[in-house]
């Protein structure tokens, strides 16, 4: 199994609206290997994860 890390290219890409339990996160990311080298780019969309994900991605 290969592990990758995603690093957002911009801060504050999480939208929580009026309810933090229905947060939605989307944005451009760099893909890093286990040594921290950038090996690609991605666009990630996350929904239904319970909010507060932005701090864990940065």
C-alpha atoms as a PDB file:
ATOM      1  CA  UNK A   1       0.000   0.000   0.000  1.00  0.00           C
ATOM      2  CA  UNK A   2       1.303   3.426  -0.962  1.00  0.00           C
ATOM      3  CA  UNK A   3       0.625   6.415   1.311  1.00  0.00           C
ATOM      4  CA  UNK A   4       0.210   9.961   0.062  1.00  0.00           C
ATOM      5  CA  UNK A   5      -0.311  13.293   1.767  1.00  0.00           C
ATOM      6  CA  UNK A   6      -2.445  16.093   0.351  1.00  0.00           C
ATOM      7  CA  UNK A   7      -1.587  19.719   1.065  1.00  0.00           C
ATOM      8  CA  UNK A   8      -4.132  22.430   0.163  1.00  0.00           C
ATOM      9  CA  UNK A   9      -2.809  25.153  -2.136  1.00  0.00           C
ATOM     10  CA  UNK A  10      -5.075  27.797  -0.569  1.00  0.00           C
ATOM     11  CA  UNK A  11      -6.205  28.363   3.007  1.00  0.00           C
ATOM     12  CA  UNK A  12      -9.855  28.562   4.030  1.00  0.00           C
ATOM     13  CA  UNK A  13     -11.404  26.310   1.401  1.00  0.00           C
ATOM     14  CA  UNK A  14     -13.902  24.859   3.852  1.00  0.00           C
ATOM     15  CA  UNK A  15     -17.490  26.087   3.735  1.00  0.00           C
ATOM     16  CA  UNK A  16     -19.517  25.518   6.865  1.00  0.00           C
ATOM     17  CA  UNK A  17     -22.459  27.811   6.187  1.00  0.00           C
ATOM     18  CA  UNK A  18     -24.891  28.073   9.077  1.00  0.00           C
ATOM     19  CA  UNK A  19     -24.301  24.513  10.352  1.00  0.00           C
ATOM     20  CA  UNK A  20     -20.823  23.199  11.169  1.00  0.00           C
ATOM     21  CA  UNK A  21     -22.136  19.608  11.081  1.00  0.00           C
ATOM     22  CA  UNK A  22     -22.809  19.961   7.355  1.00  0.00           C
ATOM     23  CA  UNK A  23     -19.425  21.321   6.282  1.00  0.00           C
ATOM     24  CA  UNK A  24     -18.111  20.982   2.749  1.00  0.00           C
ATOM     25  CA  UNK A  25     -14.470  21.225   1.707  1.00  0.00           C
ATOM     26  CA  UNK A  26     -13.137  21.525  -1.822  1.00  0.00           C
ATOM     27  CA  UNK A  27      -9.966  22.769  -3.365  1.00  0.00           C
ATOM     28  CA  UNK A  28      -6.734  22.310  -5.213  1.00  0.00           C
ATOM     29  CA  UNK A  29      -4.009  20.306  -3.472  1.00  0.00           C
ATOM     30  CA  UNK A  30      -0.457  19.160  -3.958  1.00  0.00           C
ATOM     31  CA  UNK A  31       0.170  15.427  -3.630  1.00  0.00           C
ATOM     32  CA  UNK A  32       3.262  14.523  -1.579  1.00  0.00           C
ATOM     33  CA  UNK A  33       4.991  11.177  -1.182  1.00  0.00           C
ATOM     34  CA  UNK A  34       6.092   9.762   2.179  1.00  0.00           C
ATOM     35  CA  UNK A  35       9.335  11.780   1.957  1.00  0.00           C
ATOM     36  CA  UNK A  36       7.440  15.064   1.537  1.00  0.00           C
ATOM     37  CA  UNK A  37       8.270  15.507  -2.159  1.00  0.00           C
ATOM     38  CA  UNK A  38       5.584  16.970  -4.407  1.00  0.00           C
ATOM     39  CA  UNK A  39       4.674  14.268  -6.917  1.00  0.00           C
ATOM     40  CA  UNK A  40       1.446  15.630  -8.354  1.00  0.00           C
ATOM     41  CA  UNK A  41      -1.609  17.826  -8.067  1.00  0.00           C
ATOM     42  CA  UNK A  42      -5.203  16.990  -7.233  1.00  0.00           C
ATOM     43  CA  UNK A  43      -8.613  18.532  -6.758  1.00  0.00           C
ATOM     44  CA  UNK A  44     -10.393  17.201  -3.696  1.00  0.00           C
ATOM     45  CA  UNK A  45     -14.041  17.471  -2.685  1.00  0.00           C
ATOM     46  CA  UNK A  46     -15.211  16.271   0.741  1.00  0.00           C
ATOM     47  CA  UNK A  47     -18.707  16.342   2.201  1.00  0.00           C
ATOM     48  CA  UNK A  48     -20.468  14.753   5.136  1.00  0.00           C
ATOM     49  CA  UNK A  49     -17.400  14.407   7.354  1.00  0.00           C
ATOM     50  CA  UNK A  50     -18.777  16.271  10.375  1.00  0.00           C
ATOM     51  CA  UNK A  51     -16.987  19.622  10.017  1.00  0.00           C
ATOM     52  CA  UNK A  52     -13.692  20.996  11.180  1.00  0.00           C
ATOM     53  CA  UNK A  53     -11.595  19.303   8.547  1.00  0.00           C
ATOM     54  CA  UNK A  54      -9.781  22.420   7.339  1.00  0.00           C
ATOM     55  CA  UNK A  55      -7.482  22.565  10.371  1.00  0.00           C
ATOM     56  CA  UNK A  56      -6.542  18.894   9.952  1.00  0.00           C
ATOM     57  CA  UNK A  57      -5.625  19.350   6.268  1.00  0.00           C
ATOM     58  CA  UNK A  58      -3.277  22.284   6.832  1.00  0.00           C
END
